[in-house]
Protein backbone atom coordinates (compact mmCIF):
# COMPACT_ATOMS: atom_id res chain seq x y z
CA ALA A 1 -1.65 -11.25 46.36
CA THR A 2 -0.91 -7.84 45.18
CA ALA A 3 -4.22 -5.31 43.71
CA ASP A 4 -2.50 -5.31 40.22
CA ALA A 5 -2.23 -9.76 40.05
CA PRO A 6 -5.10 -10.75 37.97
CA VAL A 7 -7.70 -13.09 39.82
CA ALA A 8 -8.72 -15.91 37.89
CA PRO A 9 -12.46 -16.45 37.43
CA PRO A 10 -13.94 -19.51 39.23
CA SER A 11 -14.06 -22.70 37.44
CA LEU A 12 -17.93 -23.44 36.03
CA PRO A 13 -19.02 -26.69 35.28
CA ASP A 14 -19.80 -27.62 31.34
CA LEU A 15 -23.39 -27.11 30.57
CA GLN A 16 -24.64 -30.15 28.76
CA LEU A 17 -26.64 -29.46 25.72
CA PRO A 18 -29.57 -30.84 24.91
CA ALA A 19 -28.65 -33.69 21.52
CA VAL A 20 -29.60 -32.28 18.44
CA PRO A 21 -29.43 -34.56 15.37
CA TYR A 22 -27.39 -33.49 12.44
CA ARG A 23 -29.11 -33.08 9.50
CA ALA A 24 -26.81 -33.62 6.47
CA GLU A 25 -29.05 -31.96 3.86
CA ALA A 26 -28.41 -28.89 5.64
CA ARG A 27 -24.86 -28.27 4.43
CA VAL A 28 -24.07 -27.30 1.12
CA ALA A 29 -23.06 -30.03 -1.03
CA GLU A 30 -19.02 -29.98 -1.82
CA GLY A 31 -18.12 -28.19 -4.79
CA ALA A 32 -21.40 -26.74 -5.24
CA ALA A 33 -19.71 -23.47 -6.24
CA THR A 34 -17.68 -24.80 -8.97
CA ARG A 35 -20.26 -27.72 -10.55
CA TRP A 36 -22.06 -26.36 -13.56
CA SER A 37 -25.05 -28.00 -15.15
CA PRO A 38 -24.58 -28.37 -18.91
CA GLY A 39 -26.71 -25.75 -20.85
CA THR A 40 -28.43 -21.95 -20.73
CA VAL A 41 -30.10 -20.91 -17.57
CA THR A 42 -33.19 -19.94 -18.15
CA PHE A 43 -34.02 -16.15 -17.58
CA GLU A 44 -36.76 -17.03 -15.29
CA ALA A 45 -34.44 -19.13 -12.99
CA PHE A 46 -31.51 -16.73 -13.36
CA SER A 47 -33.92 -13.97 -12.33
CA ALA A 48 -35.51 -15.76 -9.10
CA TRP A 49 -31.92 -16.43 -7.81
CA ILE A 50 -30.24 -13.33 -8.31
CA GLY A 51 -33.52 -11.99 -6.23
CA LEU A 52 -32.26 -13.55 -3.58
CA LEU A 53 -30.27 -10.09 -3.40
CA MET A 54 -33.08 -8.16 -3.96
CA ALA A 55 -34.30 -5.56 -1.92
CA GLY A 56 -37.57 -5.35 -0.14
CA ILE A 57 -39.79 -2.40 1.54
CA GLY A 58 -40.47 -3.76 5.41
CA SER A 59 -41.36 -1.48 7.89
CA GLY A 60 -41.68 1.34 5.55
CA GLU A 61 -37.98 0.82 5.07
CA THR A 62 -35.42 -0.96 2.34
CA LYS A 63 -34.75 -4.14 3.48
CA TYR A 64 -32.73 -6.99 2.19
CA ARG A 65 -32.10 -10.78 2.96
CA TYR A 66 -28.56 -10.52 4.31
CA PRO A 67 -27.52 -8.43 7.36
CA SER A 68 -25.22 -5.45 6.85
CA GLY A 69 -23.52 -3.02 9.28
CA GLY A 70 -25.47 -0.08 9.94
CA GLY A 71 -27.66 -1.19 7.30
CA LEU A 72 -25.19 0.27 4.24
CA ASN A 73 -25.09 -2.32 2.09
CA PRO A 74 -21.80 -1.07 0.33
CA VAL A 75 -21.38 -4.79 -1.38
CA ARG A 76 -22.25 -4.34 -5.09
CA THR A 77 -22.87 -7.47 -7.28
CA TYR A 78 -21.67 -8.09 -10.65
CA LEU A 79 -21.73 -10.27 -13.27
CA VAL A 80 -20.20 -11.25 -16.04
CA VAL A 81 -22.55 -13.58 -18.73
CA ARG A 82 -20.91 -15.53 -21.25
CA GLN A 83 -22.31 -15.80 -24.90
CA GLY A 84 -25.31 -18.40 -24.72
CA GLY A 85 -24.90 -18.53 -20.42
CA VAL A 86 -28.33 -16.96 -19.48
CA ALA A 87 -31.36 -17.15 -22.05
CA GLY A 88 -32.19 -13.82 -23.29
CA VAL A 89 -29.39 -11.93 -21.60
CA PRO A 90 -26.61 -10.85 -23.76
CA PRO A 91 -22.87 -11.63 -23.14
CA GLY A 92 -21.10 -8.67 -20.96
CA SER A 93 -20.75 -7.20 -17.50
CA TYR A 94 -23.24 -6.06 -15.72
CA CYS A 95 -24.41 -4.42 -12.12
CA TYR A 96 -27.04 -5.68 -10.09
CA GLU A 97 -29.53 -3.03 -8.97
CA PRO A 98 -31.45 -4.86 -5.98
CA GLU A 99 -34.17 -1.82 -5.34
CA ARG A 100 -35.13 -2.54 -9.03
CA HIS A 101 -33.93 -5.80 -9.54
CA THR A 102 -32.48 -5.33 -12.91
CA LEU A 103 -29.22 -5.88 -14.73
CA HIS A 104 -27.31 -2.45 -15.86
CA ALA A 105 -24.80 -3.17 -18.21
CA VAL A 106 -21.52 -1.81 -17.08
CA GLY A 107 -19.46 -3.14 -20.15
CA GLY A 108 -19.31 -4.82 -23.29
CA GLN A 109 -18.78 -8.16 -24.23
CA GLY A 110 -14.69 -7.94 -24.26
CA VAL A 111 -14.19 -9.64 -21.02
CA ASP A 112 -10.67 -11.09 -20.76
CA ALA A 113 -11.32 -13.81 -18.51
CA ALA A 114 -7.26 -14.73 -17.84
CA THR A 115 -6.93 -11.19 -16.65
CA ALA A 116 -10.40 -10.85 -14.41
CA PHE A 117 -10.39 -14.53 -13.10
CA GLY A 118 -6.98 -15.56 -13.04
CA ALA A 119 -6.58 -19.32 -12.42
CA ASP A 120 -10.49 -19.77 -12.55
CA ALA A 121 -10.53 -18.70 -16.18
CA ALA A 122 -11.39 -21.71 -17.18
CA ARG A 123 -14.06 -22.14 -14.81
CA LEU A 124 -15.56 -19.30 -16.22
CA ALA A 125 -15.47 -20.67 -19.82
CA GLU A 126 -17.69 -23.63 -18.35
CA ALA A 127 -20.09 -21.43 -16.28
CA ALA A 128 -23.07 -19.64 -17.50
CA PHE A 129 -22.29 -16.61 -15.43
CA ALA A 130 -19.70 -15.52 -12.75
CA VAL A 131 -20.65 -13.64 -9.83
CA VAL A 132 -18.22 -11.10 -8.34
CA PHE A 133 -19.05 -9.17 -5.33
CA ILE A 134 -17.17 -5.49 -4.86
CA ALA A 135 -17.41 -3.28 -1.94
CA GLU A 136 -17.58 0.59 -1.98
CA MET A 137 -15.39 1.21 0.53
CA GLN A 138 -16.53 4.85 0.93
CA ALA A 139 -19.71 4.35 1.50
CA ILE A 140 -18.71 2.56 4.72
CA GLU A 141 -15.54 3.70 5.92
CA PRO A 142 -16.20 7.13 7.10
CA LEU A 143 -18.57 5.39 9.71
CA TYR A 144 -16.52 1.77 10.58
CA GLN A 145 -13.32 3.22 9.80
CA GLN A 146 -10.41 0.24 10.58
CA ALA A 147 -13.46 -2.23 11.07
CA SER A 148 -14.76 -1.91 7.36
CA ALA A 149 -12.80 -4.32 5.66
CA THR A 150 -14.15 -6.88 8.06
CA LEU A 151 -17.89 -5.71 7.78
CA VAL A 152 -17.77 -5.96 3.90
CA ALA A 153 -16.09 -9.32 3.95
CA LEU A 154 -18.67 -10.45 6.13
CA GLU A 155 -21.71 -8.60 4.09
CA ALA A 156 -19.85 -10.71 1.05
CA GLY A 157 -19.78 -14.13 2.76
CA TYR A 158 -23.39 -13.42 3.62
CA MET A 159 -24.73 -12.80 0.52
CA GLY A 160 -22.56 -16.09 -1.07
CA GLN A 161 -24.10 -18.21 1.37
CA LEU A 162 -27.40 -17.00 0.40
CA LEU A 163 -27.23 -17.48 -3.19
CA LEU A 164 -25.26 -20.97 -2.88
CA ALA A 165 -27.75 -22.27 -0.44
CA ALA A 166 -30.32 -21.71 -2.96
CA GLN A 167 -28.59 -22.89 -6.14
CA ASP A 168 -30.10 -26.44 -7.72
């Protein structure tokens, strides 16, 4: 063998792990993101559900229930609430502010579902509200550059999974 030739690592035997039972209840039900309960969502249930994304204080620092690259939390949560979708919440578009657990109105009632949601516009018509995650790339790109898109996609996935796992 020459000095430049790669050396194959020694073959290691497989390490058998102890058996773990499969827990079907730990899996999110198929279609969970696309099946809606009829009627209006109560304000309290909505607040508790979206509150999973709320910021809290731990060890003197702002903390979230999901990881974020560098703790920058560049992914913002926007909601489009339809008429009668959430009790006590007027129809329109909102930005969720996790530090204050508030909804900030960002637009009027005139959300064109076909433009905003394309092929999913019909689903929005059936849903009480829609959640949209939008990354503020300028908040993360100076630190993570080319890895920024991957990190915000992961963060949005963690946020979405947190909400999906808690839905009734």
